[in-house]
Structures are given as structure tokens and as C-alpha cells.
């Protein structure tokens, strides 16, 4: 049985930060894959964890407490699975794609809840919440399209 150090070294060599996997990443996207995407997905996962303990008022108002908790858990899992998928880019690109689609769906539901709560007059329009969605939504949306673009030539040949 290999030692923990050998096992961790082998695991690290499969990540996006390893020198062996940098050839898989287009040079113009290197910073995106090694820093921006992992940071964004980690932030989304942590936001999901935070929203479990501090419920999001517009989602709780529209759907109730149980759905709000399920939404928060799904956001947390989507963020962390997308992080796992981008870290092990060569093998888990499919996981990142599924998680990014989930994140886009959850963010669209969140925007709908914010606008519905504002239209019902229950809450004022939450500018900070919309700003968070504007910051977080484009990256998973773009990433889904980018993954589909990457995988399309592989299927045609």
C-alpha cells in the first residue's frame, strides 16, 4: 500500500495545477482554469453553505423553508462538484458540465424569486442579491457552452 505522501502526489498530478496537465489547457485559458474558475466555484459552494444557516429571504418567501434549504444544499453541492470537475479537468469535465448546468438553473430560480418578491410587494428589489447573481451567473453559463464546444469535435470524429 503506498504511503499517504505518494498517494497525494499522484492525486496532485491529476489536477489542473500539475505540469503534466497544463498541456491540455489552451494557453490563453490557463489563468482561467487554474485560478478564476476554482475560486468562483469555491465561492458559490461557500455561499450555498452560508445560505443553509442563514436562509435567503426571497426564496423562503416564495417557496417556504424546506425548498429554501434544498435550494441551498443544491447550490452548495453544485459549487463543490463544479470545483471538483475543474480541478480534475482531464477526467471530470462531465461533472463540471452537469454542476454548471445545475448552478445556472439555481441562479435563474433565484433571480425569479427576487423579482417575484419585489412584484408582490413583500420585499424591495434586492440590489445586492442581484449583484451577486450577476457576478456568479455568467461564468457557469459560459463554461457550459465552452465544454459543449470542446466535446463536439470529439463526438464527430
C-alpha atoms as a PDB file:
ATOM      1  CA  UNK A   1       0.000   0.000   0.000  1.00  0.00           C
ATOM      2  CA  UNK A   2       1.520   3.342  -0.975  1.00  0.00           C
ATOM      3  CA  UNK A   3       2.133   5.946   1.670  1.00  0.00           C
ATOM      4  CA  UNK A   4      -0.091   8.988   2.008  1.00  0.00           C
ATOM      5  CA  UNK A   5       2.616  11.232   0.543  1.00  0.00           C
ATOM      6  CA  UNK A   6       2.904   9.107  -2.600  1.00  0.00           C
ATOM      7  CA  UNK A   7      -0.875   8.905  -2.902  1.00  0.00           C
ATOM      8  CA  UNK A   8      -1.278  12.694  -2.546  1.00  0.00           C
ATOM      9  CA  UNK A   9       1.490  13.306  -5.085  1.00  0.00           C
ATOM     10  CA  UNK A  10      -0.285  11.005  -7.556  1.00  0.00           C
ATOM     11  CA  UNK A  11      -3.564  12.764  -6.891  1.00  0.00           C
ATOM     12  CA  UNK A  12      -1.985  16.191  -7.412  1.00  0.00           C
ATOM     13  CA  UNK A  13      -0.511  15.068 -10.741  1.00  0.00           C
ATOM     14  CA  UNK A  14      -4.052  14.548 -12.000  1.00  0.00           C
ATOM     15  CA  UNK A  15      -5.160  18.107 -11.144  1.00  0.00           C
ATOM     16  CA  UNK A  16      -5.237  21.148 -13.355  1.00  0.00           C
ATOM     17  CA  UNK A  17      -2.257  22.626 -11.479  1.00  0.00           C
ATOM     18  CA  UNK A  18       0.082  19.773 -12.364  1.00  0.00           C
ATOM     19  CA  UNK A  19       2.745  20.311 -15.010  1.00  0.00           C
ATOM     20  CA  UNK A  20       1.522  17.157 -16.794  1.00  0.00           C
ATOM     21  CA  UNK A  21      -1.976  18.534 -17.356  1.00  0.00           C
ATOM     22  CA  UNK A  22      -1.073  22.072 -18.408  1.00  0.00           C
ATOM     23  CA  UNK A  23      -0.670  20.864 -21.995  1.00  0.00           C
ATOM     24  CA  UNK A  24      -4.387  20.051 -22.057  1.00  0.00           C
ATOM     25  CA  UNK A  25      -5.333  23.645 -21.270  1.00  0.00           C
ATOM     26  CA  UNK A  26      -5.181  26.228 -24.056  1.00  0.00           C
ATOM     27  CA  UNK A  27      -2.554  28.831 -23.089  1.00  0.00           C
ATOM     28  CA  UNK A  28      -4.967  31.745 -23.232  1.00  0.00           C
ATOM     29  CA  UNK A  29      -7.238  29.996 -20.687  1.00  0.00           C
ATOM     30  CA  UNK A  30      -4.506  28.904 -18.269  1.00  0.00           C
ATOM     31  CA  UNK A  31      -5.258  31.578 -15.632  1.00  0.00           C
ATOM     32  CA  UNK A  32      -8.967  30.929 -16.001  1.00  0.00           C
ATOM     33  CA  UNK A  33      -8.666  27.190 -15.339  1.00  0.00           C
ATOM     34  CA  UNK A  34      -6.074  27.425 -12.582  1.00  0.00           C
ATOM     35  CA  UNK A  35      -7.416  30.382 -10.605  1.00  0.00           C
ATOM     36  CA  UNK A  36     -10.660  32.056 -11.717  1.00  0.00           C
ATOM     37  CA  UNK A  37     -12.911  29.013 -12.152  1.00  0.00           C
ATOM     38  CA  UNK A  38     -11.795  27.242  -8.948  1.00  0.00           C
ATOM     39  CA  UNK A  39     -12.185  30.472  -6.962  1.00  0.00           C
ATOM     40  CA  UNK A  40     -15.669  31.173  -8.372  1.00  0.00           C
ATOM     41  CA  UNK A  41     -16.906  27.639  -7.786  1.00  0.00           C
ATOM     42  CA  UNK A  42     -15.491  27.645  -4.265  1.00  0.00           C
ATOM     43  CA  UNK A  43     -17.229  30.979  -3.585  1.00  0.00           C
ATOM     44  CA  UNK A  44     -20.538  29.611  -4.904  1.00  0.00           C
ATOM     45  CA  UNK A  45     -20.205  26.488  -2.746  1.00  0.00           C
ATOM     46  CA  UNK A  46     -19.432  28.574   0.333  1.00  0.00           C
ATOM     47  CA  UNK A  47     -22.379  30.860  -0.454  1.00  0.00           C
ATOM     48  CA  UNK A  48     -24.569  27.734  -0.545  1.00  0.00           C
ATOM     49  CA  UNK A  49     -23.187  26.647   2.846  1.00  0.00           C
ATOM     50  CA  UNK A  50     -23.867  30.095   4.281  1.00  0.00           C
ATOM     51  CA  UNK A  51     -27.400  30.134   2.902  1.00  0.00           C
ATOM     52  CA  UNK A  52     -28.145  26.853   4.721  1.00  0.00           C
ATOM     53  CA  UNK A  53     -27.576  28.501   8.092  1.00  0.00           C
ATOM     54  CA  UNK A  54     -28.855  31.973   7.096  1.00  0.00           C
ATOM     55  CA  UNK A  55     -31.848  31.389   4.786  1.00  0.00           C
ATOM     56  CA  UNK A  56     -32.296  33.531   1.699  1.00  0.00           C
ATOM     57  CA  UNK A  57     -35.424  35.542   2.350  1.00  0.00           C
ATOM     58  CA  UNK A  58     -36.757  35.785  -1.215  1.00  0.00           C
ATOM     59  CA  UNK A  59     -36.543  32.014  -1.756  1.00  0.00           C
ATOM     60  CA  UNK A  60     -38.079  31.283   1.645  1.00  0.00           C
ATOM     61  CA  UNK A  61     -40.837  33.774   0.904  1.00  0.00           C
ATOM     62  CA  UNK A  62     -41.690  32.208  -2.460  1.00  0.00           C
ATOM     63  CA  UNK A  63     -41.338  28.522  -1.660  1.00  0.00           C
ATOM     64  CA  UNK A  64     -41.088  28.033   2.089  1.00  0.00           C
ATOM     65  CA  UNK A  65     -38.364  26.773   4.372  1.00  0.00           C
ATOM     66  CA  UNK A  66     -37.921  23.218   3.099  1.00  0.00           C
ATOM     67  CA  UNK A  67     -37.467  24.250  -0.541  1.00  0.00           C
ATOM     68  CA  UNK A  68     -35.122  27.040   0.534  1.00  0.00           C
ATOM     69  CA  UNK A  69     -32.978  24.530   2.383  1.00  0.00           C
ATOM     70  CA  UNK A  70     -32.992  22.149  -0.571  1.00  0.00           C
ATOM     71  CA  UNK A  71     -32.051  25.039  -2.884  1.00  0.00           C
ATOM     72  CA  UNK A  72     -29.152  25.961  -0.589  1.00  0.00           C
ATOM     73  CA  UNK A  73     -27.891  22.379  -0.412  1.00  0.00           C
ATOM     74  CA  UNK A  74     -28.145  22.066  -4.193  1.00  0.00           C
ATOM     75  CA  UNK A  75     -26.217  25.325  -4.612  1.00  0.00           C
ATOM     76  CA  UNK A  76     -23.524  24.135  -2.219  1.00  0.00           C
ATOM     77  CA  UNK A  77     -23.203  20.729  -3.902  1.00  0.00           C
ATOM     78  CA  UNK A  78     -23.262  22.284  -7.373  1.00  0.00           C
ATOM     79  CA  UNK A  79     -20.459  24.664  -6.463  1.00  0.00           C
ATOM     80  CA  UNK A  80     -18.302  21.982  -4.884  1.00  0.00           C
ATOM     81  CA  UNK A  81     -18.903  19.434  -7.659  1.00  0.00           C
ATOM     82  CA  UNK A  82     -18.064  22.071 -10.268  1.00  0.00           C
ATOM     83  CA  UNK A  83     -14.892  22.828  -8.298  1.00  0.00           C
ATOM     84  CA  UNK A  84     -14.020  19.129  -8.288  1.00  0.00           C
ATOM     85  CA  UNK A  85     -14.708  18.932 -12.018  1.00  0.00           C
ATOM     86  CA  UNK A  86     -12.482  21.873 -12.879  1.00  0.00           C
ATOM     87  CA  UNK A  87      -9.670  20.692 -10.588  1.00  0.00           C
ATOM     88  CA  UNK A  88      -9.571  17.295 -12.294  1.00  0.00           C
ATOM     89  CA  UNK A  89     -10.194  18.764 -15.729  1.00  0.00           C
ATOM     90  CA  UNK A  90      -8.946  15.879 -17.839  1.00  0.00           C
ATOM     91  CA  UNK A  91     -11.134  13.221 -16.216  1.00  0.00           C
ATOM     92  CA  UNK A  92     -14.139  15.010 -14.712  1.00  0.00           C
ATOM     93  CA  UNK A  93     -15.128  17.560 -17.332  1.00  0.00           C
ATOM     94  CA  UNK A  94     -18.575  15.932 -17.490  1.00  0.00           C
ATOM     95  CA  UNK A  95     -19.053  16.537 -13.749  1.00  0.00           C
ATOM     96  CA  UNK A  96     -18.238  20.199 -14.163  1.00  0.00           C
ATOM     97  CA  UNK A  97     -20.716  20.476 -17.035  1.00  0.00           C
ATOM     98  CA  UNK A  98     -23.562  18.886 -15.050  1.00  0.00           C
ATOM     99  CA  UNK A  99     -22.761  21.015 -11.996  1.00  0.00           C
ATOM    100  CA  UNK A 100     -22.562  24.197 -14.082  1.00  0.00           C
ATOM    101  CA  UNK A 101     -25.968  23.488 -15.645  1.00  0.00           C
ATOM    102  CA  UNK A 102     -27.331  22.971 -12.128  1.00  0.00           C
ATOM    103  CA  UNK A 103     -25.794  26.257 -10.974  1.00  0.00           C
ATOM    104  CA  UNK A 104     -27.272  28.165 -13.911  1.00  0.00           C
ATOM    105  CA  UNK A 105     -30.706  26.702 -13.164  1.00  0.00           C
ATOM    106  CA  UNK A 106     -30.471  27.592  -9.483  1.00  0.00           C
ATOM    107  CA  UNK A 107     -29.350  31.142 -10.232  1.00  0.00           C
ATOM    108  CA  UNK A 108     -32.214  31.659 -12.675  1.00  0.00           C
ATOM    109  CA  UNK A 109     -34.645  30.449  -9.986  1.00  0.00           C
ATOM    110  CA  UNK A 110     -33.014  32.885  -7.562  1.00  0.00           C
ATOM    111  CA  UNK A 111     -33.453  35.838  -9.944  1.00  0.00           C
ATOM    112  CA  UNK A 112     -37.080  34.834 -10.484  1.00  0.00           C
ATOM    113  CA  UNK A 113     -37.670  34.747  -6.728  1.00  0.00           C
ATOM    114  CA  UNK A 114     -36.100  38.174  -6.256  1.00  0.00           C
ATOM    115  CA  UNK A 115     -38.274  39.729  -8.954  1.00  0.00           C
ATOM    116  CA  UNK A 116     -41.415  37.885  -7.827  1.00  0.00           C
ATOM    117  CA  UNK A 117     -40.910  39.036  -4.230  1.00  0.00           C
ATOM    118  CA  UNK A 118     -40.445  42.602  -5.441  1.00  0.00           C
ATOM    119  CA  UNK A 119     -43.567  42.438  -7.657  1.00  0.00           C
ATOM    120  CA  UNK A 120     -45.665  41.034  -4.829  1.00  0.00           C
ATOM    121  CA  UNK A 121     -44.587  43.959  -2.691  1.00  0.00           C
ATOM    122  CA  UNK A 122     -43.281  41.696   0.026  1.00  0.00           C
ATOM    123  CA  UNK A 123     -39.726  42.986  -0.288  1.00  0.00           C
ATOM    124  CA  UNK A 124     -37.916  45.726  -2.037  1.00  0.00           C
ATOM    125  CA  UNK A 125     -35.793  44.789  -5.032  1.00  0.00           C
ATOM    126  CA  UNK A 126     -32.574  43.432  -3.570  1.00  0.00           C
ATOM    127  CA  UNK A 127     -29.771  45.144  -5.467  1.00  0.00           C
ATOM    128  CA  UNK A 128     -27.011  43.318  -3.567  1.00  0.00           C
ATOM    129  CA  UNK A 129     -28.586  39.930  -4.260  1.00  0.00           C
ATOM    130  CA  UNK A 130     -28.934  40.739  -7.936  1.00  0.00           C
ATOM    131  CA  UNK A 131     -25.326  41.911  -7.992  1.00  0.00           C
ATOM    132  CA  UNK A 132     -24.214  38.541  -6.570  1.00  0.00           C
ATOM    133  CA  UNK A 133     -26.183  36.720  -9.249  1.00  0.00           C
ATOM    134  CA  UNK A 134     -24.741  38.958 -11.956  1.00  0.00           C
ATOM    135  CA  UNK A 135     -21.256  38.135 -10.681  1.00  0.00           C
ATOM    136  CA  UNK A 136     -21.854  34.377 -10.371  1.00  0.00           C
ATOM    137  CA  UNK A 137     -24.184  33.545 -13.297  1.00  0.00           C
ATOM    138  CA  UNK A 138     -22.106  34.336 -16.409  1.00  0.00           C
ATOM    139  CA  UNK A 139     -19.188  32.052 -15.545  1.00  0.00           C
ATOM    140  CA  UNK A 140     -21.147  28.761 -15.275  1.00  0.00           C
ATOM    141  CA  UNK A 141     -23.225  29.737 -18.323  1.00  0.00           C
ATOM    142  CA  UNK A 142     -20.124  30.380 -20.408  1.00  0.00           C
ATOM    143  CA  UNK A 143     -18.469  27.242 -19.068  1.00  0.00           C
ATOM    144  CA  UNK A 144     -21.354  25.004 -20.156  1.00  0.00           C
ATOM    145  CA  UNK A 145     -21.139  26.406 -23.680  1.00  0.00           C
ATOM    146  CA  UNK A 146     -17.347  26.057 -23.657  1.00  0.00           C
ATOM    147  CA  UNK A 147     -17.499  22.408 -22.557  1.00  0.00           C
ATOM    148  CA  UNK A 148     -20.063  21.616 -25.244  1.00  0.00           C
ATOM    149  CA  UNK A 149     -17.802  23.303 -27.806  1.00  0.00           C
ATOM    150  CA  UNK A 150     -14.818  21.252 -26.585  1.00  0.00           C
ATOM    151  CA  UNK A 151     -16.673  17.945 -26.649  1.00  0.00           C
ATOM    152  CA  UNK A 152     -18.416  18.417 -30.007  1.00  0.00           C
ATOM    153  CA  UNK A 153     -15.382  17.688 -32.230  1.00  0.00           C
ATOM    154  CA  UNK A 154     -14.582  14.594 -30.183  1.00  0.00           C
ATOM    155  CA  UNK A 155     -18.010  13.130 -30.966  1.00  0.00           C
ATOM    156  CA  UNK A 156     -17.936  13.967 -34.681  1.00  0.00           C
ATOM    157  CA  UNK A 157     -14.640  12.232 -35.411  1.00  0.00           C
END
